[in-house]
PDB file of all heavy atoms in Angstrom:
ATOM      1  N   GLY A   1       2.546  17.432  -4.254  1.00  0.00           N
ATOM      2  CA  GLY A   1       1.438  17.221  -3.287  1.00  0.00           C
ATOM      3  C   GLY A   1       1.764  16.110  -2.322  1.00  0.00           C
ATOM      4  O   GLY A   1       1.250  15.966  -1.229  1.00  0.00           O
ATOM      5  N   PHE A   2       2.624  15.169  -2.765  1.00  0.00           N
ATOM      6  CA  PHE A   2       3.059  14.042  -1.919  1.00  0.00           C
ATOM      7  C   PHE A   2       3.885  14.537  -0.792  1.00  0.00           C
ATOM      8  O   PHE A   2       4.720  15.375  -0.896  1.00  0.00           O
ATOM      9  CB  PHE A   2       3.866  13.011  -2.807  1.00  0.00           C
ATOM     10  CG  PHE A   2       4.490  11.909  -2.004  1.00  0.00           C
ATOM     11  CD1 PHE A   2       3.606  10.802  -1.756  1.00  0.00           C
ATOM     12  CD2 PHE A   2       5.689  11.872  -1.630  1.00  0.00           C
ATOM     13  CE1 PHE A   2       4.112   9.735  -1.054  1.00  0.00           C
ATOM     14  CE2 PHE A   2       6.276  10.799  -1.003  1.00  0.00           C
ATOM     15  CZ  PHE A   2       5.400   9.708  -0.602  1.00  0.00           C
ATOM     16  N   ASP A   3       3.572  14.058   0.385  1.00  0.00           N
ATOM     17  CA  ASP A   3       4.301  14.364   1.642  1.00  0.00           C
ATOM     18  C   ASP A   3       4.724  13.049   2.256  1.00  0.00           C
ATOM     19  O   ASP A   3       3.926  12.238   2.733  1.00  0.00           O
ATOM     20  CB  ASP A   3       3.347  15.145   2.558  1.00  0.00           C
ATOM     21  CG  ASP A   3       4.133  15.691   3.788  1.00  0.00           C
ATOM     22  OD1 ASP A   3       4.777  14.846   4.510  1.00  0.00           O
ATOM     23  OD2 ASP A   3       3.948  16.804   4.124  1.00  0.00           O
ATOM     24  N   THR A   4       6.085  12.850   2.421  1.00  0.00           N
ATOM     25  CA  THR A   4       6.589  11.614   2.901  1.00  0.00           C
ATOM     26  C   THR A   4       6.126  11.341   4.324  1.00  0.00           C
ATOM     27  O   THR A   4       5.753  10.192   4.698  1.00  0.00           O
ATOM     28  CB  THR A   4       8.080  11.579   2.817  1.00  0.00           C
ATOM     29  OG1 THR A   4       8.473  11.735   1.486  1.00  0.00           O
ATOM     30  CG2 THR A   4       8.619  10.246   3.307  1.00  0.00           C
ATOM     31  N   VAL A   5       6.032  12.343   5.078  1.00  0.00           N
ATOM     32  CA  VAL A   5       5.609  12.213   6.544  1.00  0.00           C
ATOM     33  C   VAL A   5       4.152  11.785   6.589  1.00  0.00           C
ATOM     34  O   VAL A   5       3.802  10.754   7.367  1.00  0.00           O
ATOM     35  CB  VAL A   5       5.833  13.517   7.292  1.00  0.00           C
ATOM     36  CG1 VAL A   5       5.242  13.391   8.821  1.00  0.00           C
ATOM     37  CG2 VAL A   5       7.314  13.871   7.393  1.00  0.00           C
ATOM     38  N   VAL A   6       3.259  12.425   5.927  1.00  0.00           N
ATOM     39  CA  VAL A   6       1.855  11.977   5.870  1.00  0.00           C
ATOM     40  C   VAL A   6       1.711  10.616   5.285  1.00  0.00           C
ATOM     41  O   VAL A   6       0.935   9.841   5.836  1.00  0.00           O
ATOM     42  CB  VAL A   6       1.027  13.033   5.051  1.00  0.00           C
ATOM     43  CG1 VAL A   6      -0.399  12.523   4.802  1.00  0.00           C
ATOM     44  CG2 VAL A   6       1.051  14.393   5.679  1.00  0.00           C
ATOM     45  N   PHE A   7       2.411  10.282   4.269  1.00  0.00           N
ATOM     46  CA  PHE A   7       2.429   8.939   3.717  1.00  0.00           C
ATOM     47  C   PHE A   7       2.828   7.924   4.729  1.00  0.00           C
ATOM     48  O   PHE A   7       2.060   6.915   4.838  1.00  0.00           O
ATOM     49  CB  PHE A   7       3.438   8.880   2.475  1.00  0.00           C
ATOM     50  CG  PHE A   7       3.569   7.583   1.944  1.00  0.00           C
ATOM     51  CD1 PHE A   7       2.600   7.055   1.081  1.00  0.00           C
ATOM     52  CD2 PHE A   7       4.663   6.793   2.123  1.00  0.00           C
ATOM     53  CE1 PHE A   7       2.736   5.726   0.511  1.00  0.00           C
ATOM     54  CE2 PHE A   7       4.939   5.540   1.610  1.00  0.00           C
ATOM     55  CZ  PHE A   7       3.920   5.042   0.740  1.00  0.00           C
ATOM     56  N   GLU A   8       3.807   8.104   5.475  1.00  0.00           N
ATOM     57  CA  GLU A   8       4.263   7.194   6.533  1.00  0.00           C
ATOM     58  C   GLU A   8       3.254   7.087   7.567  1.00  0.00           C
ATOM     59  O   GLU A   8       3.024   5.972   8.112  1.00  0.00           O
ATOM     60  CB  GLU A   8       5.630   7.599   7.000  1.00  0.00           C
ATOM     61  CG  GLU A   8       6.781   7.369   6.047  1.00  0.00           C
ATOM     62  CD  GLU A   8       7.086   5.862   5.838  1.00  0.00           C
ATOM     63  OE1 GLU A   8       6.529   5.040   6.615  1.00  0.00           O
ATOM     64  OE2 GLU A   8       7.959   5.559   4.990  1.00  0.00           O
ATOM     65  N   GLU A   9       2.565   8.140   7.999  1.00  0.00           N
ATOM     66  CA  GLU A   9       1.676   8.131   9.083  1.00  0.00           C
ATOM     67  C   GLU A   9       0.396   7.241   8.635  1.00  0.00           C
ATOM     68  O   GLU A   9      -0.079   6.422   9.420  1.00  0.00           O
ATOM     69  CB  GLU A   9       1.257   9.486   9.504  1.00  0.00           C
ATOM     70  CG  GLU A   9       2.218  10.248  10.225  1.00  0.00           C
ATOM     71  CD  GLU A   9       1.905  11.722  10.449  1.00  0.00           C
ATOM     72  OE1 GLU A   9       0.830  12.109   9.846  1.00  0.00           O
ATOM     73  OE2 GLU A   9       2.637  12.465  11.164  1.00  0.00           O
ATOM     74  N   ASN A  10      -0.078   7.449   7.402  1.00  0.00           N
ATOM     75  CA  ASN A  10      -1.252   6.779   6.981  1.00  0.00           C
ATOM     76  C   ASN A  10      -0.932   5.332   6.692  1.00  0.00           C
ATOM     77  O   ASN A  10      -1.698   4.392   6.950  1.00  0.00           O
ATOM     78  CB  ASN A  10      -1.772   7.423   5.663  1.00  0.00           C
ATOM     79  CG  ASN A  10      -2.490   8.691   5.994  1.00  0.00           C
ATOM     80  OD1 ASN A  10      -2.957   8.897   7.101  1.00  0.00           O
ATOM     81  ND2 ASN A  10      -2.619   9.585   4.947  1.00  0.00           N
ATOM     82  N   LEU A  11       0.309   5.031   6.186  1.00  0.00           N
ATOM     83  CA  LEU A  11       0.718   3.681   5.964  1.00  0.00           C
ATOM     84  C   LEU A  11       0.834   2.912   7.289  1.00  0.00           C
ATOM     85  O   LEU A  11       0.513   1.689   7.393  1.00  0.00           O
ATOM     86  CB  LEU A  11       2.016   3.629   5.202  1.00  0.00           C
ATOM     87  CG  LEU A  11       2.481   2.251   4.648  1.00  0.00           C
ATOM     88  CD1 LEU A  11       1.356   1.690   3.733  1.00  0.00           C
ATOM     89  CD2 LEU A  11       3.794   2.473   3.862  1.00  0.00           C
ATOM     90  N   LYS A  12       1.264   3.576   8.290  1.00  0.00           N
ATOM     91  CA  LYS A  12       1.348   2.984   9.627  1.00  0.00           C
ATOM     92  C   LYS A  12      -0.036   2.549  10.088  1.00  0.00           C
ATOM     93  O   LYS A  12      -0.173   1.457  10.680  1.00  0.00           O
ATOM     94  CB  LYS A  12       1.969   3.994  10.669  1.00  0.00           C
ATOM     95  CG  LYS A  12       2.162   3.348  12.069  1.00  0.00           C
ATOM     96  CD  LYS A  12       2.744   4.473  12.964  1.00  0.00           C
ATOM     97  CE  LYS A  12       2.940   3.909  14.432  1.00  0.00           C
ATOM     98  NZ  LYS A  12       3.479   4.862  15.310  1.00  0.00           N
ATOM     99  N   GLU A  13      -1.001   3.374   9.873  1.00  0.00           N
ATOM    100  CA  GLU A  13      -2.401   3.052  10.238  1.00  0.00           C
ATOM    101  C   GLU A  13      -2.972   1.866   9.364  1.00  0.00           C
ATOM    102  O   GLU A  13      -3.582   0.942   9.928  1.00  0.00           O
ATOM    103  CB  GLU A  13      -3.274   4.264  10.070  1.00  0.00           C
ATOM    104  CG  GLU A  13      -4.725   4.059  10.446  1.00  0.00           C
ATOM    105  CD  GLU A  13      -4.943   3.911  12.048  1.00  0.00           C
ATOM    106  OE1 GLU A  13      -3.998   4.275  12.786  1.00  0.00           O
ATOM    107  OE2 GLU A  13      -5.975   3.380  12.446  1.00  0.00           O
ATOM    108  N   ILE A  14      -2.673   1.874   8.131  1.00  0.00           N
ATOM    109  CA  ILE A  14      -3.074   0.841   7.191  1.00  0.00           C
ATOM    110  C   ILE A  14      -2.499  -0.535   7.611  1.00  0.00           C
ATOM    111  O   ILE A  14      -3.210  -1.520   7.642  1.00  0.00           O
ATOM    112  CB  ILE A  14      -2.686   1.145   5.720  1.00  0.00           C
ATOM    113  CG1 ILE A  14      -3.535   2.241   5.159  1.00  0.00           C
ATOM    114  CG2 ILE A  14      -2.732  -0.089   4.839  1.00  0.00           C
ATOM    115  CD1 ILE A  14      -5.022   1.830   4.973  1.00  0.00           C
ATOM    116  N   LYS A  15      -1.249  -0.524   8.004  1.00  0.00           N
ATOM    117  CA  LYS A  15      -0.582  -1.761   8.358  1.00  0.00           C
ATOM    118  C   LYS A  15      -1.127  -2.434   9.590  1.00  0.00           C
ATOM    119  O   LYS A  15      -0.856  -3.597   9.809  1.00  0.00           O
ATOM    120  CB  LYS A  15       0.876  -1.587   8.450  1.00  0.00           C
ATOM    121  CG  LYS A  15       1.615  -1.351   7.083  1.00  0.00           C
ATOM    122  CD  LYS A  15       2.938  -0.793   7.283  1.00  0.00           C
ATOM    123  CE  LYS A  15       3.941  -1.675   7.987  1.00  0.00           C
ATOM    124  NZ  LYS A  15       5.280  -1.098   8.021  1.00  0.00           N
ATOM    125  N   LYS A  16      -1.907  -1.779  10.397  1.00  0.00           N
ATOM    126  CA  LYS A  16      -2.573  -2.335  11.610  1.00  0.00           C
ATOM    127  C   LYS A  16      -3.686  -3.324  11.124  1.00  0.00           C
ATOM    128  O   LYS A  16      -4.053  -4.201  11.910  1.00  0.00           O
ATOM    129  CB  LYS A  16      -3.175  -1.237  12.454  1.00  0.00           C
ATOM    130  CG  LYS A  16      -2.099  -0.339  13.146  1.00  0.00           C
ATOM    131  CD  LYS A  16      -2.845   0.779  13.893  1.00  0.00           C
ATOM    132  CE  LYS A  16      -1.911   1.744  14.583  1.00  0.00           C
ATOM    133  NZ  LYS A  16      -2.650   2.876  15.257  1.00  0.00           N
ATOM    134  N   HIS A  17      -4.260  -3.093   9.924  1.00  0.00           N
ATOM    135  CA  HIS A  17      -5.376  -3.960   9.480  1.00  0.00           C
ATOM    136  C   HIS A  17      -5.136  -4.676   8.174  1.00  0.00           C
ATOM    137  O   HIS A  17      -5.791  -5.601   7.924  1.00  0.00           O
ATOM    138  CB  HIS A  17      -6.600  -2.933   9.323  1.00  0.00           C
ATOM    139  CG  HIS A  17      -6.797  -2.059  10.515  1.00  0.00           C
ATOM    140  ND1 HIS A  17      -7.458  -2.466  11.650  1.00  0.00           N
ATOM    141  CD2 HIS A  17      -6.481  -0.762  10.689  1.00  0.00           C
ATOM    142  CE1 HIS A  17      -7.579  -1.537  12.547  1.00  0.00           C
ATOM    143  NE2 HIS A  17      -6.979  -0.448  12.057  1.00  0.00           N
ATOM    144  N   PHE A  18      -4.211  -4.071   7.347  1.00  0.00           N
ATOM    145  CA  PHE A  18      -4.027  -4.696   6.013  1.00  0.00           C
ATOM    146  C   PHE A  18      -2.654  -5.381   6.017  1.00  0.00           C
ATOM    147  O   PHE A  18      -1.734  -5.102   6.856  1.00  0.00           O
ATOM    148  CB  PHE A  18      -3.950  -3.526   4.962  1.00  0.00           C
ATOM    149  CG  PHE A  18      -5.359  -2.926   4.667  1.00  0.00           C
ATOM    150  CD1 PHE A  18      -5.988  -2.194   5.577  1.00  0.00           C
ATOM    151  CD2 PHE A  18      -5.836  -3.076   3.426  1.00  0.00           C
ATOM    152  CE1 PHE A  18      -7.192  -1.608   5.285  1.00  0.00           C
ATOM    153  CE2 PHE A  18      -7.061  -2.460   3.072  1.00  0.00           C
ATOM    154  CZ  PHE A  18      -7.760  -1.763   3.998  1.00  0.00           C
ATOM    155  N   ARG A  19      -2.435  -6.237   5.064  1.00  0.00           N
ATOM    156  CA  ARG A  19      -1.171  -6.920   4.865  1.00  0.00           C
ATOM    157  C   ARG A  19      -0.725  -6.747   3.421  1.00  0.00           C
ATOM    158  O   ARG A  19      -1.552  -6.743   2.475  1.00  0.00           O
ATOM    159  CB  ARG A  19      -1.309  -8.394   5.251  1.00  0.00           C
ATOM    160  CG  ARG A  19      -2.341  -9.176   4.568  1.00  0.00           C
ATOM    161  CD  ARG A  19      -2.502 -10.536   5.131  1.00  0.00           C
ATOM    162  NE  ARG A  19      -3.663 -11.254   4.606  1.00  0.00           N
ATOM    163  CZ  ARG A  19      -3.608 -12.118   3.633  1.00  0.00           C
ATOM    164  NH1 ARG A  19      -2.419 -12.485   3.063  1.00  0.00           N
ATOM    165  NH2 ARG A  19      -4.719 -12.750   3.170  1.00  0.00           N
ATOM    166  N   PRO A  20       0.549  -6.625   3.198  1.00  0.00           N
ATOM    167  CA  PRO A  20       1.005  -6.554   1.801  1.00  0.00           C
ATOM    168  C   PRO A  20       0.908  -7.791   1.031  1.00  0.00           C
ATOM    169  O   PRO A  20       0.966  -8.829   1.581  1.00  0.00           O
ATOM    170  CB  PRO A  20       2.532  -6.111   1.973  1.00  0.00           C
ATOM    171  CG  PRO A  20       2.854  -6.671   3.320  1.00  0.00           C
ATOM    172  CD  PRO A  20       1.731  -6.701   4.193  1.00  0.00           C
ATOM    173  N   THR A  21       0.697  -7.670  -0.251  1.00  0.00           N
ATOM    174  CA  THR A  21       0.618  -8.790  -1.154  1.00  0.00           C
ATOM    175  C   THR A  21       1.015  -8.322  -2.588  1.00  0.00           C
ATOM    176  O   THR A  21       1.143  -7.182  -2.851  1.00  0.00           O
ATOM    177  CB  THR A  21      -0.755  -9.431  -1.149  1.00  0.00           C
ATOM    178  OG1 THR A  21      -0.773 -10.688  -1.828  1.00  0.00           O
ATOM    179  CG2 THR A  21      -1.779  -8.499  -1.776  1.00  0.00           C
ATOM    180  N   ASN A  22       1.125  -9.288  -3.497  1.00  0.00           N
ATOM    181  CA  ASN A  22       1.304  -8.909  -4.904  1.00  0.00           C
ATOM    182  C   ASN A  22      -0.058  -9.050  -5.611  1.00  0.00           C
ATOM    183  O   ASN A  22      -0.967  -9.648  -5.134  1.00  0.00           O
ATOM    184  CB  ASN A  22       2.432  -9.685  -5.577  1.00  0.00           C
ATOM    185  CG  ASN A  22       2.200 -11.202  -5.601  1.00  0.00           C
ATOM    186  OD1 ASN A  22       1.171 -11.651  -6.160  1.00  0.00           O
ATOM    187  ND2 ASN A  22       2.987 -11.961  -5.093  1.00  0.00           N
ATOM    188  N   ILE A  23      -0.064  -8.474  -6.742  1.00  0.00           N
ATOM    189  CA  ILE A  23      -1.378  -8.327  -7.419  1.00  0.00           C
ATOM    190  C   ILE A  23      -1.900  -9.724  -7.872  1.00  0.00           C
ATOM    191  O   ILE A  23      -3.060  -9.914  -7.929  1.00  0.00           O
ATOM    192  CB  ILE A  23      -1.154  -7.396  -8.732  1.00  0.00           C
ATOM    193  CG1 ILE A  23      -2.606  -7.021  -9.312  1.00  0.00           C
ATOM    194  CG2 ILE A  23      -0.341  -8.041  -9.770  1.00  0.00           C
ATOM    195  CD1 ILE A  23      -3.331  -6.054  -8.421  1.00  0.00           C
ATOM    196  N   GLN A  24      -1.025 -10.670  -8.144  1.00  0.00           N
ATOM    197  CA  GLN A  24      -1.433 -11.995  -8.483  1.00  0.00           C
ATOM    198  C   GLN A  24      -2.141 -12.623  -7.345  1.00  0.00           C
ATOM    199  O   GLN A  24      -2.978 -13.523  -7.493  1.00  0.00           O
ATOM    200  CB  GLN A  24      -0.326 -12.875  -8.963  1.00  0.00           C
ATOM    201  CG  GLN A  24       0.239 -12.537 -10.358  1.00  0.00           C
ATOM    202  CD  GLN A  24       1.288 -11.460 -10.413  1.00  0.00           C
ATOM    203  OE1 GLN A  24       1.501 -10.839  -9.293  1.00  0.00           O
ATOM    204  NE2 GLN A  24       1.874 -11.257 -11.518  1.00  0.00           N
ATOM    205  N   ALA A  25      -1.833 -12.261  -6.051  1.00  0.00           N
ATOM    206  CA  ALA A  25      -2.503 -12.810  -4.886  1.00  0.00           C
ATOM    207  C   ALA A  25      -3.553 -11.925  -4.355  1.00  0.00           C
ATOM    208  O   ALA A  25      -3.961 -12.087  -3.187  1.00  0.00           O
ATOM    209  CB  ALA A  25      -1.391 -13.153  -3.830  1.00  0.00           C
ATOM    210  N   SER A  26      -4.036 -10.955  -5.163  1.00  0.00           N
ATOM    211  CA  SER A  26      -5.041  -9.974  -4.620  1.00  0.00           C
ATOM    212  C   SER A  26      -6.387 -10.559  -4.628  1.00  0.00           C
ATOM    213  O   SER A  26      -7.292 -10.026  -3.862  1.00  0.00           O
ATOM    214  CB  SER A  26      -5.049  -8.730  -5.546  1.00  0.00           C
ATOM    215  OG  SER A  26      -5.476  -9.094  -6.847  1.00  0.00           O
ATOM    216  N   GLU A  27      -6.643 -11.672  -5.274  1.00  0.00           N
ATOM    217  CA  GLU A  27      -7.961 -12.249  -5.228  1.00  0.00           C
ATOM    218  C   GLU A  27      -8.203 -12.952  -3.827  1.00  0.00           C
ATOM    219  O   GLU A  27      -7.280 -13.208  -3.180  1.00  0.00           O
ATOM    220  CB  GLU A  27      -8.181 -13.315  -6.326  1.00  0.00           C
ATOM    221  CG  GLU A  27      -8.274 -12.760  -7.801  1.00  0.00           C
ATOM    222  CD  GLU A  27      -9.427 -11.750  -7.910  1.00  0.00           C
ATOM    223  OE1 GLU A  27     -10.554 -12.133  -7.500  1.00  0.00           O
ATOM    224  OE2 GLU A  27      -9.195 -10.687  -8.411  1.00  0.00           O
ATOM    225  N   GLY A  28      -9.454 -13.186  -3.516  1.00  0.00           N
ATOM    226  CA  GLY A  28      -9.712 -13.858  -2.288  1.00  0.00           C
ATOM    227  C   GLY A  28     -10.319 -12.884  -1.251  1.00  0.00           C
ATOM    228  O   GLY A  28     -10.994 -11.968  -1.597  1.00  0.00           O
ATOM    229  N   HIS A  29      -9.941 -13.091   0.000  1.00  0.00           N
ATOM    230  CA  HIS A  29     -10.600 -12.329   1.116  1.00  0.00           C
ATOM    231  C   HIS A  29      -9.598 -11.510   1.816  1.00  0.00           C
ATOM    232  O   HIS A  29      -8.412 -11.889   1.867  1.00  0.00           O
ATOM    233  CB  HIS A  29     -11.356 -13.343   1.977  1.00  0.00           C
ATOM    234  CG  HIS A  29     -12.130 -14.324   1.277  1.00  0.00           C
ATOM    235  ND1 HIS A  29     -12.247 -15.585   1.761  1.00  0.00           N
ATOM    236  CD2 HIS A  29     -12.893 -14.229   0.152  1.00  0.00           C
ATOM    237  CE1 HIS A  29     -13.038 -16.305   0.879  1.00  0.00           C
ATOM    238  NE2 HIS A  29     -13.459 -15.444  -0.057  1.00  0.00           N
ATOM    239  N   GLY A  30     -10.081 -10.557   2.546  1.00  0.00           N
ATOM    240  CA  GLY A  30      -9.177  -9.805   3.457  1.00  0.00           C
ATOM    241  C   GLY A  30      -8.847  -8.404   2.999  1.00  0.00           C
ATOM    242  O   GLY A  30      -9.312  -7.907   1.981  1.00  0.00           O
ATOM    243  N   LEU A  31      -8.031  -7.751   3.807  1.00  0.00           N
ATOM    244  CA  LEU A  31      -7.647  -6.341   3.600  1.00  0.00           C
ATOM    245  C   LEU A  31      -6.136  -6.438   3.191  1.00  0.00           C
ATOM    246  O   LEU A  31      -5.290  -6.924   3.928  1.00  0.00           O
ATOM    247  CB  LEU A  31      -7.728  -5.601   4.874  1.00  0.00           C
ATOM    248  CG  LEU A  31      -9.166  -5.614   5.509  1.00  0.00           C
ATOM    249  CD1 LEU A  31      -9.122  -4.860   6.794  1.00  0.00           C
ATOM    250  CD2 LEU A  31     -10.238  -5.059   4.588  1.00  0.00           C
ATOM    251  N   LYS A  32      -5.885  -5.973   1.945  1.00  0.00           N
ATOM    252  CA  LYS A  32      -4.525  -6.155   1.380  1.00  0.00           C
ATOM    253  C   LYS A  32      -4.116  -4.813   0.661  1.00  0.00           C
ATOM    254  O   LYS A  32      -4.897  -4.034   0.342  1.00  0.00           O
ATOM    255  CB  LYS A  32      -4.502  -7.315   0.381  1.00  0.00           C
ATOM    256  CG  LYS A  32      -4.981  -8.625   0.932  1.00  0.00           C
ATOM    257  CD  LYS A  32      -5.102  -9.733  -0.145  1.00  0.00           C
ATOM    258  CE  LYS A  32      -5.696 -10.939   0.387  1.00  0.00           C
ATOM    259  NZ  LYS A  32      -5.784 -12.001  -0.675  1.00  0.00           N
ATOM    260  N   TYR A  33      -2.863  -4.696   0.443  1.00  0.00           N
ATOM    261  CA  TYR A  33      -2.278  -3.513  -0.345  1.00  0.00           C
ATOM    262  C   TYR A  33      -1.125  -3.881  -0.986  1.00  0.00           C
ATOM    263  O   TYR A  33      -0.349  -4.873  -0.721  1.00  0.00           O
ATOM    264  CB  TYR A  33      -2.053  -2.392   0.640  1.00  0.00           C
ATOM    265  CG  TYR A  33      -0.894  -2.515   1.643  1.00  0.00           C
ATOM    266  CD1 TYR A  33       0.416  -2.093   1.147  1.00  0.00           C
ATOM    267  CD2 TYR A  33      -1.050  -3.078   2.859  1.00  0.00           C
ATOM    268  CE1 TYR A  33       1.502  -2.266   2.053  1.00  0.00           C
ATOM    269  CE2 TYR A  33       0.083  -3.226   3.734  1.00  0.00           C
ATOM    270  CZ  TYR A  33       1.337  -2.787   3.289  1.00  0.00           C
ATOM    271  OH  TYR A  33       2.365  -2.967   4.120  1.00  0.00           O
ATOM    272  N   ASN A  34      -0.790  -3.157  -2.055  1.00  0.00           N
ATOM    273  CA  ASN A  34       0.532  -3.172  -2.705  1.00  0.00           C
ATOM    274  C   ASN A  34       0.838  -1.747  -3.213  1.00  0.00           C
ATOM    275  O   ASN A  34       0.090  -0.805  -2.938  1.00  0.00           O
ATOM    276  CB  ASN A  34       0.560  -4.149  -3.922  1.00  0.00           C
ATOM    277  CG  ASN A  34      -0.102  -3.670  -5.185  1.00  0.00           C
ATOM    278  OD1 ASN A  34      -0.918  -2.760  -5.146  1.00  0.00           O
ATOM    279  ND2 ASN A  34       0.225  -4.355  -6.224  1.00  0.00           N
ATOM    280  N   PHE A  35       1.913  -1.522  -3.914  1.00  0.00           N
ATOM    281  CA  PHE A  35       2.330  -0.263  -4.329  1.00  0.00           C
ATOM    282  C   PHE A  35       2.437  -0.274  -5.897  1.00  0.00           C
ATOM    283  O   PHE A  35       2.739  -1.295  -6.533  1.00  0.00           O
ATOM    284  CB  PHE A  35       3.673   0.196  -3.784  1.00  0.00           C
ATOM    285  CG  PHE A  35       3.623   0.292  -2.234  1.00  0.00           C
ATOM    286  CD1 PHE A  35       3.989  -0.688  -1.385  1.00  0.00           C
ATOM    287  CD2 PHE A  35       3.219   1.543  -1.729  1.00  0.00           C
ATOM    288  CE1 PHE A  35       3.952  -0.608  -0.037  1.00  0.00           C
ATOM    289  CE2 PHE A  35       3.129   1.674  -0.322  1.00  0.00           C
ATOM    290  CZ  PHE A  35       3.506   0.630   0.485  1.00  0.00           C
ATOM    291  N   GLN A  36       2.193   0.913  -6.463  1.00  0.00           N
ATOM    292  CA  GLN A  36       2.290   1.089  -7.874  1.00  0.00           C
ATOM    293  C   GLN A  36       3.358   2.178  -8.125  1.00  0.00           C
ATOM    294  O   GLN A  36       3.200   3.285  -7.678  1.00  0.00           O
ATOM    295  CB  GLN A  36       0.973   1.437  -8.524  1.00  0.00           C
ATOM    296  CG  GLN A  36      -0.045   0.331  -8.521  1.00  0.00           C
ATOM    297  CD  GLN A  36      -1.319   0.589  -9.332  1.00  0.00           C
ATOM    298  OE1 GLN A  36      -1.619   1.737  -9.522  1.00  0.00           O
ATOM    299  NE2 GLN A  36      -1.934  -0.447  -9.700  1.00  0.00           N
ATOM    300  N   TYR A  37       4.345   1.864  -8.944  1.00  0.00           N
ATOM    301  CA  TYR A  37       5.484   2.728  -9.175  1.00  0.00           C
ATOM    302  C   TYR A  37       5.439   3.094 -10.674  1.00  0.00           C
ATOM    303  O   TYR A  37       5.570   2.148 -11.463  1.00  0.00           O
ATOM    304  CB  TYR A  37       6.743   2.086  -8.826  1.00  0.00           C
ATOM    305  CG  TYR A  37       8.019   2.992  -8.878  1.00  0.00           C
ATOM    306  CD1 TYR A  37       8.513   3.537  -7.691  1.00  0.00           C
ATOM    307  CD2 TYR A  37       8.712   3.086 -10.029  1.00  0.00           C
ATOM    308  CE1 TYR A  37       9.767   4.305  -7.701  1.00  0.00           C
ATOM    309  CE2 TYR A  37       9.976   3.877 -10.056  1.00  0.00           C
ATOM    310  CZ  TYR A  37      10.361   4.471  -8.950  1.00  0.00           C
ATOM    311  OH  TYR A  37      11.541   5.175  -8.891  1.00  0.00           O
ATOM    312  N   THR A  38       5.186   4.306 -11.010  1.00  0.00           N
ATOM    313  CA  THR A  38       5.128   4.698 -12.474  1.00  0.00           C
ATOM    314  C   THR A  38       6.507   5.253 -12.789  1.00  0.00           C
ATOM    315  O   THR A  38       6.936   6.245 -12.266  1.00  0.00           O
ATOM    316  CB  THR A  38       4.055   5.705 -12.688  1.00  0.00           C
ATOM    317  OG1 THR A  38       2.707   5.186 -12.305  1.00  0.00           O
ATOM    318  CG2 THR A  38       4.060   6.193 -14.162  1.00  0.00           C
ATOM    319  N   THR A  39       7.134   4.607 -13.730  1.00  0.00           N
ATOM    320  CA  THR A  39       8.573   4.988 -14.127  1.00  0.00           C
ATOM    321  C   THR A  39       8.574   6.063 -15.234  1.00  0.00           C
ATOM    322  O   THR A  39       7.829   5.877 -16.227  1.00  0.00           O
ATOM    323  CB  THR A  39       9.287   3.747 -14.627  1.00  0.00           C
ATOM    324  OG1 THR A  39       9.157   2.633 -13.635  1.00  0.00           O
ATOM    325  CG2 THR A  39      10.751   4.008 -14.746  1.00  0.00           C
ATOM    326  N   THR A  40       9.345   7.041 -14.926  1.00  0.00           N
ATOM    327  CA  THR A  40       9.478   8.191 -15.930  1.00  0.00           C
ATOM    328  C   THR A  40      10.976   8.476 -15.989  1.00  0.00           C
ATOM    329  O   THR A  40      11.791   7.973 -15.309  1.00  0.00           O
ATOM    330  CB  THR A  40       8.664   9.358 -15.554  1.00  0.00           C
ATOM    331  OG1 THR A  40       9.326   9.927 -14.315  1.00  0.00           O
ATOM    332  CG2 THR A  40       7.272   9.034 -15.210  1.00  0.00           C
ATOM    333  N   ILE A  41      11.286   9.473 -16.776  1.00  0.00           N
ATOM    334  CA  ILE A  41      12.687   9.992 -16.823  1.00  0.00           C
ATOM    335  C   ILE A  41      13.045  10.618 -15.509  1.00  0.00           C
ATOM    336  O   ILE A  41      14.246  10.792 -15.187  1.00  0.00           O
ATOM    337  CB  ILE A  41      12.958  11.062 -17.965  1.00  0.00           C
ATOM    338  CG1 ILE A  41      12.059  12.272 -17.750  1.00  0.00           C
ATOM    339  CG2 ILE A  41      12.578  10.354 -19.293  1.00  0.00           C
ATOM    340  CD1 ILE A  41      12.427  13.358 -18.750  1.00  0.00           C
TER     341      ILE A  41
END
């Protein structure tokens, strides 16, 4: 169901308002994001 093109388009929109951070710095104020990678075989 994942579509790389759709993902990139939505991420482009998010990046206009949000900034990347790590989970330890997620507290506080503002619009932030990070990624979660689930490792499998």
